[in-house]
Amino acid sequence: MTALSSSSPPLSSLWRQILVPMDFSPPSEAALLYALTLARASGATVHVCHVIPSLHLLDALYEHGLEQPESVARITQKAQQRVAELVTATREEGTEISVQVHCSEGDVAQGVLEWAATLHPDLIVMGTHGRRGAPRFFLGSVTETVVRRAPCPVLTLRDPAVPLLHPADTHHRRESRPCL
Protein backbone atom coordinates (compact mmCIF):
# COMPACT_ATOMS: atom_id res chain seq x y z
CA MET A 1 0.00 0.00 0.00
CA THR A 2 1.38 3.44 -0.89
CA ALA A 3 1.05 6.45 1.32
CA LEU A 4 -0.32 9.68 -0.01
CA SER A 5 2.49 11.93 -1.01
CA SER A 6 2.61 15.68 -1.29
CA SER A 7 2.27 15.21 -5.06
CA SER A 8 -1.14 13.51 -4.64
CA PRO A 9 -3.96 15.56 -6.14
CA PRO A 10 -5.92 17.64 -3.64
CA LEU A 11 -9.29 16.24 -2.56
CA SER A 12 -11.09 19.01 -4.43
CA SER A 13 -9.85 17.70 -7.78
CA LEU A 14 -10.69 14.05 -7.20
CA TRP A 15 -14.43 14.21 -7.81
CA ARG A 16 -16.36 16.58 -10.02
CA GLN A 17 -19.39 14.33 -10.60
CA ILE A 18 -20.74 11.80 -8.07
CA LEU A 19 -23.53 9.39 -9.01
CA VAL A 20 -25.79 8.02 -6.27
CA PRO A 21 -28.25 5.28 -7.26
CA MET A 22 -31.26 5.46 -4.93
CA ASP A 23 -34.06 3.04 -4.14
CA PHE A 24 -34.89 5.10 -1.01
CA SER A 25 -33.99 2.28 1.36
CA PRO A 26 -31.93 3.12 4.47
CA PRO A 27 -28.65 2.02 2.81
CA SER A 28 -29.27 4.17 -0.27
CA GLU A 29 -30.22 7.19 1.83
CA ALA A 30 -27.03 6.69 3.87
CA ALA A 31 -25.11 6.59 0.58
CA LEU A 32 -26.64 9.92 -0.46
CA LEU A 33 -25.66 11.52 2.86
CA TYR A 34 -22.11 10.21 2.43
CA ALA A 35 -21.97 11.51 -1.14
CA LEU A 36 -23.17 14.93 0.03
CA THR A 37 -20.28 15.00 2.53
CA LEU A 38 -17.82 14.16 -0.25
CA ALA A 39 -19.39 16.81 -2.48
CA ARG A 40 -19.01 19.46 0.21
CA ALA A 41 -15.30 18.64 0.48
CA SER A 42 -14.67 18.46 -3.25
CA GLY A 43 -17.21 20.83 -4.79
CA ALA A 44 -18.67 17.98 -6.84
CA THR A 45 -22.11 17.84 -8.38
CA VAL A 46 -24.22 14.99 -7.01
CA HIS A 47 -26.38 13.14 -9.51
CA VAL A 48 -29.07 11.00 -7.91
CA CYS A 49 -30.55 8.35 -10.18
CA HIS A 50 -33.68 6.41 -9.40
CA VAL A 51 -34.49 3.56 -11.75
CA ILE A 52 -38.09 2.43 -11.54
CA PRO A 53 -38.24 -1.32 -12.20
CA SER A 54 -40.27 -2.12 -15.32
CA LEU A 55 -42.35 -4.62 -13.38
CA HIS A 56 -43.04 -2.57 -10.32
CA LEU A 57 -45.72 -2.47 -7.66
CA LEU A 58 -47.89 -0.05 -9.62
CA ASP A 59 -48.69 -2.72 -12.21
CA ALA A 60 -51.85 -3.57 -10.24
CA LEU A 61 -52.94 0.06 -10.59
CA TYR A 62 -52.41 -0.07 -14.35
CA GLU A 63 -54.88 -2.94 -14.52
CA HIS A 64 -57.46 -0.70 -12.81
CA GLY A 65 -57.21 2.23 -15.21
CA LEU A 66 -54.32 4.37 -13.94
CA GLU A 67 -52.13 5.20 -16.89
CA GLN A 68 -48.50 4.14 -16.64
CA PRO A 69 -46.84 7.47 -17.57
CA GLU A 70 -48.89 9.20 -14.90
CA SER A 71 -47.68 6.70 -12.30
CA VAL A 72 -44.03 7.06 -13.34
CA ALA A 73 -44.43 10.85 -13.16
CA ARG A 74 -45.72 10.53 -9.58
CA ILE A 75 -42.79 8.30 -8.61
CA THR A 76 -40.39 10.82 -10.16
CA GLN A 77 -42.01 13.69 -8.24
CA LYS A 78 -41.81 11.78 -4.94
CA ALA A 79 -38.17 10.89 -5.61
CA GLN A 80 -37.32 14.55 -6.21
CA GLN A 81 -39.13 15.57 -3.02
CA ARG A 82 -37.33 12.99 -0.87
CA VAL A 83 -33.92 13.93 -2.26
CA ALA A 84 -34.68 17.60 -1.56
CA GLU A 85 -35.64 16.70 2.03
CA LEU A 86 -32.39 14.81 2.58
CA VAL A 87 -30.28 17.59 1.05
CA THR A 88 -32.06 20.25 3.13
CA ALA A 89 -31.64 18.22 6.33
CA THR A 90 -27.87 18.06 5.82
CA ARG A 91 -27.33 21.59 4.50
CA GLU A 92 -24.49 23.45 6.17
CA GLU A 93 -24.29 27.21 6.41
CA GLY A 94 -22.26 28.71 3.58
CA THR A 95 -22.07 25.57 1.43
CA GLU A 96 -24.17 24.93 -1.62
CA ILE A 97 -24.17 21.56 -3.31
CA SER A 98 -25.45 21.06 -6.80
CA VAL A 99 -27.81 18.08 -6.79
CA GLN A 100 -29.63 16.77 -9.85
CA VAL A 101 -32.23 14.01 -9.80
CA HIS A 102 -32.59 11.66 -12.77
CA CYS A 103 -35.33 9.04 -13.10
CA SER A 104 -35.80 6.31 -15.66
CA GLU A 105 -37.65 3.04 -15.98
CA GLY A 106 -36.23 -0.40 -16.72
CA ASP A 107 -33.84 -2.96 -15.32
CA VAL A 108 -32.29 -1.34 -12.24
CA ALA A 109 -28.66 -2.44 -12.66
CA GLN A 110 -28.69 -1.68 -16.37
CA GLY A 111 -30.35 1.68 -15.70
CA VAL A 112 -27.66 2.68 -13.20
CA LEU A 113 -24.95 1.71 -15.69
CA GLU A 114 -26.70 3.72 -18.42
CA TRP A 115 -26.79 6.79 -16.14
CA ALA A 116 -23.08 6.24 -15.44
CA ALA A 117 -22.37 6.10 -19.19
CA THR A 118 -24.41 9.26 -19.79
CA LEU A 119 -23.22 11.37 -16.85
CA HIS A 120 -19.55 10.24 -16.74
CA PRO A 121 -19.23 10.36 -12.93
CA ASP A 122 -15.83 10.23 -11.24
CA LEU A 123 -17.33 8.12 -8.44
CA ILE A 124 -20.47 6.09 -7.75
CA VAL A 125 -21.61 5.92 -4.12
CA MET A 126 -24.28 3.34 -3.42
CA GLY A 127 -25.81 1.40 -0.57
CA THR A 128 -26.03 -2.36 -0.41
CA HIS A 129 -28.64 -4.44 1.38
CA GLY A 130 -26.14 -7.18 2.24
CA ARG A 131 -28.37 -10.01 1.08
CA ARG A 132 -26.85 -13.48 1.06
CA GLY A 133 -27.81 -16.97 0.02
CA ALA A 134 -31.24 -17.58 -1.48
CA PRO A 135 -32.48 -13.95 -1.23
CA ARG A 136 -29.47 -12.77 -3.20
CA PHE A 137 -29.85 -15.57 -5.75
CA PHE A 138 -33.52 -14.77 -6.38
CA LEU A 139 -33.34 -10.99 -6.07
CA GLY A 140 -29.95 -10.51 -7.71
CA SER A 141 -27.48 -7.90 -6.65
CA VAL A 142 -27.68 -4.52 -8.31
CA THR A 143 -24.63 -3.37 -6.36
CA GLU A 144 -22.54 -6.34 -7.47
CA THR A 145 -23.47 -5.78 -11.12
CA VAL A 146 -22.61 -2.08 -10.89
CA VAL A 147 -19.30 -2.76 -9.12
CA ARG A 148 -18.30 -5.25 -11.81
CA ARG A 149 -19.31 -3.15 -14.81
CA ALA A 150 -19.03 0.51 -13.76
CA PRO A 151 -16.73 2.81 -15.75
CA CYS A 152 -15.44 4.44 -12.54
CA PRO A 153 -14.73 3.57 -8.89
CA VAL A 154 -17.72 2.46 -6.81
CA LEU A 155 -17.93 3.10 -3.08
CA THR A 156 -20.43 0.81 -1.36
CA LEU A 157 -22.00 1.28 2.05
CA ARG A 158 -23.68 -1.66 3.71
CA ASP A 159 -26.89 -1.43 5.68
CA PRO A 160 -25.83 -0.78 9.30
CA ALA A 161 -28.80 -2.88 10.47
CA VAL A 162 -27.31 -6.01 8.87
CA PRO A 163 -24.61 -7.69 10.99
CA LEU A 164 -21.25 -8.34 9.37
CA LEU A 165 -21.59 -12.06 9.97
CA HIS A 166 -25.11 -13.29 9.43
CA PRO A 167 -26.16 -15.83 12.09
CA ALA A 168 -27.15 -18.30 9.36
CA ASP A 169 -23.54 -18.31 8.15
CA THR A 170 -22.11 -19.59 11.43
CA HIS A 171 -22.78 -23.22 10.52
CA HIS A 172 -20.22 -22.87 7.70
CA ARG A 173 -17.38 -22.33 10.13
CA ARG A 174 -15.16 -25.30 10.77
CA GLU A 175 -14.17 -26.02 14.27
CA SER A 176 -10.53 -26.78 14.64
CA ARG A 177 -10.08 -30.42 15.55
CA PRO A 178 -6.90 -32.30 16.07
CA CYS A 179 -6.02 -34.65 13.25
CA LEU A 180 -6.24 -38.30 14.21
C-alpha atoms as a PDB file:
ATOM      1  CA  MET A   1       0.000   0.000   0.000  1.00  0.00           C
ATOM      2  CA  THR A   2       1.381   3.439  -0.886  1.00  0.00           C
ATOM      3  CA  ALA A   3       1.051   6.449   1.322  1.00  0.00           C
ATOM      4  CA  LEU A   4      -0.318   9.682  -0.011  1.00  0.00           C
ATOM      5  CA  SER A   5       2.494  11.932  -1.008  1.00  0.00           C
ATOM      6  CA  SER A   6       2.606  15.676  -1.294  1.00  0.00           C
ATOM      7  CA  SER A   7       2.274  15.214  -5.062  1.00  0.00           C
ATOM      8  CA  SER A   8      -1.138  13.512  -4.643  1.00  0.00           C
ATOM      9  CA  PRO A   9      -3.963  15.559  -6.140  1.00  0.00           C
ATOM     10  CA  PRO A  10      -5.917  17.637  -3.637  1.00  0.00           C
ATOM     11  CA  LEU A  11      -9.288  16.239  -2.558  1.00  0.00           C
ATOM     12  CA  SER A  12     -11.091  19.006  -4.430  1.00  0.00           C
ATOM     13  CA  SER A  13      -9.850  17.702  -7.775  1.00  0.00           C
ATOM     14  CA  LEU A  14     -10.686  14.045  -7.196  1.00  0.00           C
ATOM     15  CA  TRP A  15     -14.435  14.214  -7.807  1.00  0.00           C
ATOM     16  CA  ARG A  16     -16.360  16.578 -10.018  1.00  0.00           C
ATOM     17  CA  GLN A  17     -19.387  14.328 -10.598  1.00  0.00           C
ATOM     18  CA  ILE A  18     -20.737  11.803  -8.073  1.00  0.00           C
ATOM     19  CA  LEU A  19     -23.529   9.393  -9.012  1.00  0.00           C
ATOM     20  CA  VAL A  20     -25.788   8.017  -6.275  1.00  0.00           C
ATOM     21  CA  PRO A  21     -28.251   5.278  -7.262  1.00  0.00           C
ATOM     22  CA  MET A  22     -31.260   5.465  -4.928  1.00  0.00           C
ATOM     23  CA  ASP A  23     -34.056   3.044  -4.141  1.00  0.00           C
ATOM     24  CA  PHE A  24     -34.885   5.102  -1.013  1.00  0.00           C
ATOM     25  CA  SER A  25     -33.989   2.279   1.364  1.00  0.00           C
ATOM     26  CA  PRO A  26     -31.930   3.124   4.472  1.00  0.00           C
ATOM     27  CA  PRO A  27     -28.650   2.016   2.807  1.00  0.00           C
ATOM     28  CA  SER A  28     -29.272   4.167  -0.273  1.00  0.00           C
ATOM     29  CA  GLU A  29     -30.215   7.194   1.828  1.00  0.00           C
ATOM     30  CA  ALA A  30     -27.028   6.687   3.870  1.00  0.00           C
ATOM     31  CA  ALA A  31     -25.105   6.589   0.576  1.00  0.00           C
ATOM     32  CA  LEU A  32     -26.641   9.918  -0.457  1.00  0.00           C
ATOM     33  CA  LEU A  33     -25.661  11.517   2.856  1.00  0.00           C
ATOM     34  CA  TYR A  34     -22.108  10.206   2.435  1.00  0.00           C
ATOM     35  CA  ALA A  35     -21.969  11.515  -1.144  1.00  0.00           C
ATOM     36  CA  LEU A  36     -23.168  14.935   0.026  1.00  0.00           C
ATOM     37  CA  THR A  37     -20.280  15.000   2.527  1.00  0.00           C
ATOM     38  CA  LEU A  38     -17.820  14.164  -0.252  1.00  0.00           C
ATOM     39  CA  ALA A  39     -19.393  16.807  -2.483  1.00  0.00           C
ATOM     40  CA  ARG A  40     -19.007  19.464   0.209  1.00  0.00           C
ATOM     41  CA  ALA A  41     -15.299  18.642   0.484  1.00  0.00           C
ATOM     42  CA  SER A  42     -14.668  18.463  -3.246  1.00  0.00           C
ATOM     43  CA  GLY A  43     -17.209  20.828  -4.791  1.00  0.00           C
ATOM     44  CA  ALA A  44     -18.674  17.976  -6.837  1.00  0.00           C
ATOM     45  CA  THR A  45     -22.113  17.842  -8.378  1.00  0.00           C
ATOM     46  CA  VAL A  46     -24.219  14.991  -7.011  1.00  0.00           C
ATOM     47  CA  HIS A  47     -26.383  13.140  -9.509  1.00  0.00           C
ATOM     48  CA  VAL A  48     -29.070  11.000  -7.909  1.00  0.00           C
ATOM     49  CA  CYS A  49     -30.550   8.349 -10.176  1.00  0.00           C
ATOM     50  CA  HIS A  50     -33.681   6.413  -9.396  1.00  0.00           C
ATOM     51  CA  VAL A  51     -34.486   3.561 -11.748  1.00  0.00           C
ATOM     52  CA  ILE A  52     -38.090   2.430 -11.540  1.00  0.00           C
ATOM     53  CA  PRO A  53     -38.238  -1.323 -12.204  1.00  0.00           C
ATOM     54  CA  SER A  54     -40.270  -2.125 -15.318  1.00  0.00           C
ATOM     55  CA  LEU A  55     -42.346  -4.619 -13.384  1.00  0.00           C
ATOM     56  CA  HIS A  56     -43.041  -2.569 -10.319  1.00  0.00           C
ATOM     57  CA  LEU A  57     -45.717  -2.467  -7.659  1.00  0.00           C
ATOM     58  CA  LEU A  58     -47.886  -0.055  -9.617  1.00  0.00           C
ATOM     59  CA  ASP A  59     -48.693  -2.718 -12.209  1.00  0.00           C
ATOM     60  CA  ALA A  60     -51.846  -3.566 -10.237  1.00  0.00           C
ATOM     61  CA  LEU A  61     -52.941   0.059 -10.589  1.00  0.00           C
ATOM     62  CA  TYR A  62     -52.413  -0.070 -14.345  1.00  0.00           C
ATOM     63  CA  GLU A  63     -54.881  -2.936 -14.522  1.00  0.00           C
ATOM     64  CA  HIS A  64     -57.460  -0.701 -12.810  1.00  0.00           C
ATOM     65  CA  GLY A  65     -57.212   2.226 -15.213  1.00  0.00           C
ATOM     66  CA  LEU A  66     -54.322   4.366 -13.943  1.00  0.00           C
ATOM     67  CA  GLU A  67     -52.134   5.199 -16.895  1.00  0.00           C
ATOM     68  CA  GLN A  68     -48.503   4.139 -16.644  1.00  0.00           C
ATOM     69  CA  PRO A  69     -46.838   7.473 -17.573  1.00  0.00           C
ATOM     70  CA  GLU A  70     -48.894   9.205 -14.898  1.00  0.00           C
ATOM     71  CA  SER A  71     -47.679   6.701 -12.295  1.00  0.00           C
ATOM     72  CA  VAL A  72     -44.031   7.059 -13.338  1.00  0.00           C
ATOM     73  CA  ALA A  73     -44.431  10.845 -13.159  1.00  0.00           C
ATOM     74  CA  ARG A  74     -45.723  10.530  -9.583  1.00  0.00           C
ATOM     75  CA  ILE A  75     -42.793   8.303  -8.606  1.00  0.00           C
ATOM     76  CA  THR A  76     -40.386  10.816 -10.155  1.00  0.00           C
ATOM     77  CA  GLN A  77     -42.010  13.685  -8.238  1.00  0.00           C
ATOM     78  CA  LYS A  78     -41.813  11.777  -4.944  1.00  0.00           C
ATOM     79  CA  ALA A  79     -38.166  10.893  -5.612  1.00  0.00           C
ATOM     80  CA  GLN A  80     -37.315  14.550  -6.210  1.00  0.00           C
ATOM     81  CA  GLN A  81     -39.131  15.569  -3.024  1.00  0.00           C
ATOM     82  CA  ARG A  82     -37.334  12.988  -0.869  1.00  0.00           C
ATOM     83  CA  VAL A  83     -33.918  13.926  -2.256  1.00  0.00           C
ATOM     84  CA  ALA A  84     -34.683  17.596  -1.562  1.00  0.00           C
ATOM     85  CA  GLU A  85     -35.643  16.701   2.028  1.00  0.00           C
ATOM     86  CA  LEU A  86     -32.391  14.810   2.584  1.00  0.00           C
ATOM     87  CA  VAL A  87     -30.281  17.588   1.051  1.00  0.00           C
ATOM     88  CA  THR A  88     -32.055  20.248   3.126  1.00  0.00           C
ATOM     89  CA  ALA A  89     -31.639  18.215   6.327  1.00  0.00           C
ATOM     90  CA  THR A  90     -27.867  18.064   5.819  1.00  0.00           C
ATOM     91  CA  ARG A  91     -27.330  21.590   4.496  1.00  0.00           C
ATOM     92  CA  GLU A  92     -24.489  23.447   6.167  1.00  0.00           C
ATOM     93  CA  GLU A  93     -24.286  27.212   6.410  1.00  0.00           C
ATOM     94  CA  GLY A  94     -22.263  28.705   3.578  1.00  0.00           C
ATOM     95  CA  THR A  95     -22.068  25.571   1.432  1.00  0.00           C
ATOM     96  CA  GLU A  96     -24.170  24.930  -1.616  1.00  0.00           C
ATOM     97  CA  ILE A  97     -24.175  21.558  -3.305  1.00  0.00           C
ATOM     98  CA  SER A  98     -25.450  21.058  -6.804  1.00  0.00           C
ATOM     99  CA  VAL A  99     -27.815  18.075  -6.790  1.00  0.00           C
ATOM    100  CA  GLN A 100     -29.628  16.768  -9.845  1.00  0.00           C
ATOM    101  CA  VAL A 101     -32.234  14.009  -9.799  1.00  0.00           C
ATOM    102  CA  HIS A 102     -32.594  11.660 -12.769  1.00  0.00           C
ATOM    103  CA  CYS A 103     -35.330   9.040 -13.097  1.00  0.00           C
ATOM    104  CA  SER A 104     -35.798   6.313 -15.658  1.00  0.00           C
ATOM    105  CA  GLU A 105     -37.647   3.039 -15.976  1.00  0.00           C
ATOM    106  CA  GLY A 106     -36.235  -0.397 -16.723  1.00  0.00           C
ATOM    107  CA  ASP A 107     -33.836  -2.962 -15.315  1.00  0.00           C
ATOM    108  CA  VAL A 108     -32.293  -1.339 -12.243  1.00  0.00           C
ATOM    109  CA  ALA A 109     -28.659  -2.440 -12.659  1.00  0.00           C
ATOM    110  CA  GLN A 110     -28.687  -1.681 -16.373  1.00  0.00           C
ATOM    111  CA  GLY A 111     -30.352   1.677 -15.702  1.00  0.00           C
ATOM    112  CA  VAL A 112     -27.662   2.680 -13.199  1.00  0.00           C
ATOM    113  CA  LEU A 113     -24.953   1.711 -15.686  1.00  0.00           C
ATOM    114  CA  GLU A 114     -26.697   3.720 -18.417  1.00  0.00           C
ATOM    115  CA  TRP A 115     -26.790   6.785 -16.143  1.00  0.00           C
ATOM    116  CA  ALA A 116     -23.081   6.238 -15.435  1.00  0.00           C
ATOM    117  CA  ALA A 117     -22.374   6.103 -19.192  1.00  0.00           C
ATOM    118  CA  THR A 118     -24.410   9.259 -19.795  1.00  0.00           C
ATOM    119  CA  LEU A 119     -23.220  11.371 -16.849  1.00  0.00           C
ATOM    120  CA  HIS A 120     -19.553  10.236 -16.736  1.00  0.00           C
ATOM    121  CA  PRO A 121     -19.226  10.359 -12.929  1.00  0.00           C
ATOM    122  CA  ASP A 122     -15.834  10.227 -11.245  1.00  0.00           C
ATOM    123  CA  LEU A 123     -17.327   8.120  -8.442  1.00  0.00           C
ATOM    124  CA  ILE A 124     -20.471   6.090  -7.749  1.00  0.00           C
ATOM    125  CA  VAL A 125     -21.614   5.922  -4.117  1.00  0.00           C
ATOM    126  CA  MET A 126     -24.281   3.338  -3.417  1.00  0.00           C
ATOM    127  CA  GLY A 127     -25.809   1.396  -0.575  1.00  0.00           C
ATOM    128  CA  THR A 128     -26.034  -2.357  -0.411  1.00  0.00           C
ATOM    129  CA  HIS A 129     -28.637  -4.437   1.384  1.00  0.00           C
ATOM    130  CA  GLY A 130     -26.143  -7.179   2.243  1.00  0.00           C
ATOM    131  CA  ARG A 131     -28.374 -10.006   1.076  1.00  0.00           C
ATOM    132  CA  ARG A 132     -26.851 -13.485   1.063  1.00  0.00           C
ATOM    133  CA  GLY A 133     -27.807 -16.967   0.025  1.00  0.00           C
ATOM    134  CA  ALA A 134     -31.240 -17.576  -1.482  1.00  0.00           C
ATOM    135  CA  PRO A 135     -32.484 -13.954  -1.228  1.00  0.00           C
ATOM    136  CA  ARG A 136     -29.467 -12.772  -3.202  1.00  0.00           C
ATOM    137  CA  PHE A 137     -29.854 -15.575  -5.747  1.00  0.00           C
ATOM    138  CA  PHE A 138     -33.517 -14.774  -6.378  1.00  0.00           C
ATOM    139  CA  LEU A 139     -33.338 -10.991  -6.068  1.00  0.00           C
ATOM    140  CA  GLY A 140     -29.947 -10.513  -7.711  1.00  0.00           C
ATOM    141  CA  SER A 141     -27.478  -7.896  -6.653  1.00  0.00           C
ATOM    142  CA  VAL A 142     -27.681  -4.522  -8.307  1.00  0.00           C
ATOM    143  CA  THR A 143     -24.634  -3.372  -6.359  1.00  0.00           C
ATOM    144  CA  GLU A 144     -22.541  -6.339  -7.473  1.00  0.00           C
ATOM    145  CA  THR A 145     -23.465  -5.781 -11.124  1.00  0.00           C
ATOM    146  CA  VAL A 146     -22.615  -2.078 -10.895  1.00  0.00           C
ATOM    147  CA  VAL A 147     -19.303  -2.763  -9.125  1.00  0.00           C
ATOM    148  CA  ARG A 148     -18.304  -5.253 -11.808  1.00  0.00           C
ATOM    149  CA  ARG A 149     -19.307  -3.148 -14.815  1.00  0.00           C
ATOM    150  CA  ALA A 150     -19.031   0.511 -13.764  1.00  0.00           C
ATOM    151  CA  PRO A 151     -16.729   2.805 -15.751  1.00  0.00           C
ATOM    152  CA  CYS A 152     -15.438   4.441 -12.543  1.00  0.00           C
ATOM    153  CA  PRO A 153     -14.733   3.573  -8.888  1.00  0.00           C
ATOM    154  CA  VAL A 154     -17.722   2.460  -6.810  1.00  0.00           C
ATOM    155  CA  LEU A 155     -17.931   3.098  -3.080  1.00  0.00           C
ATOM    156  CA  THR A 156     -20.435   0.809  -1.358  1.00  0.00           C
ATOM    157  CA  LEU A 157     -21.996   1.276   2.050  1.00  0.00           C
ATOM    158  CA  ARG A 158     -23.678  -1.661   3.705  1.00  0.00           C
ATOM    159  CA  ASP A 159     -26.889  -1.429   5.678  1.00  0.00           C
ATOM    160  CA  PRO A 160     -25.830  -0.783   9.297  1.00  0.00           C
ATOM    161  CA  ALA A 161     -28.803  -2.877  10.465  1.00  0.00           C
ATOM    162  CA  VAL A 162     -27.315  -6.014   8.867  1.00  0.00           C
ATOM    163  CA  PRO A 163     -24.614  -7.685  10.991  1.00  0.00           C
ATOM    164  CA  LEU A 164     -21.248  -8.335   9.374  1.00  0.00           C
ATOM    165  CA  LEU A 165     -21.587 -12.063   9.975  1.00  0.00           C
ATOM    166  CA  HIS A 166     -25.108 -13.287   9.430  1.00  0.00           C
ATOM    167  CA  PRO A 167     -26.157 -15.832  12.090  1.00  0.00           C
ATOM    168  CA  ALA A 168     -27.148 -18.300   9.362  1.00  0.00           C
ATOM    169  CA  ASP A 169     -23.539 -18.308   8.151  1.00  0.00           C
ATOM    170  CA  THR A 170     -22.112 -19.590  11.429  1.00  0.00           C
ATOM    171  CA  HIS A 171     -22.781 -23.222  10.516  1.00  0.00           C
ATOM    172  CA  HIS A 172     -20.221 -22.872   7.698  1.00  0.00           C
ATOM    173  CA  ARG A 173     -17.378 -22.333  10.133  1.00  0.00           C
ATOM    174  CA  ARG A 174     -15.156 -25.296  10.771  1.00  0.00           C
ATOM    175  CA  GLU A 175     -14.174 -26.021  14.267  1.00  0.00           C
ATOM    176  CA  SER A 176     -10.533 -26.779  14.645  1.00  0.00           C
ATOM    177  CA  ARG A 177     -10.081 -30.422  15.552  1.00  0.00           C
ATOM    178  CA  PRO A 178      -6.899 -32.304  16.067  1.00  0.00           C
ATOM    179  CA  CYS A 179      -6.022 -34.646  13.255  1.00  0.00           C
ATOM    180  CA  LEU A 180      -6.236 -38.299  14.207  1.00  0.00           C
END
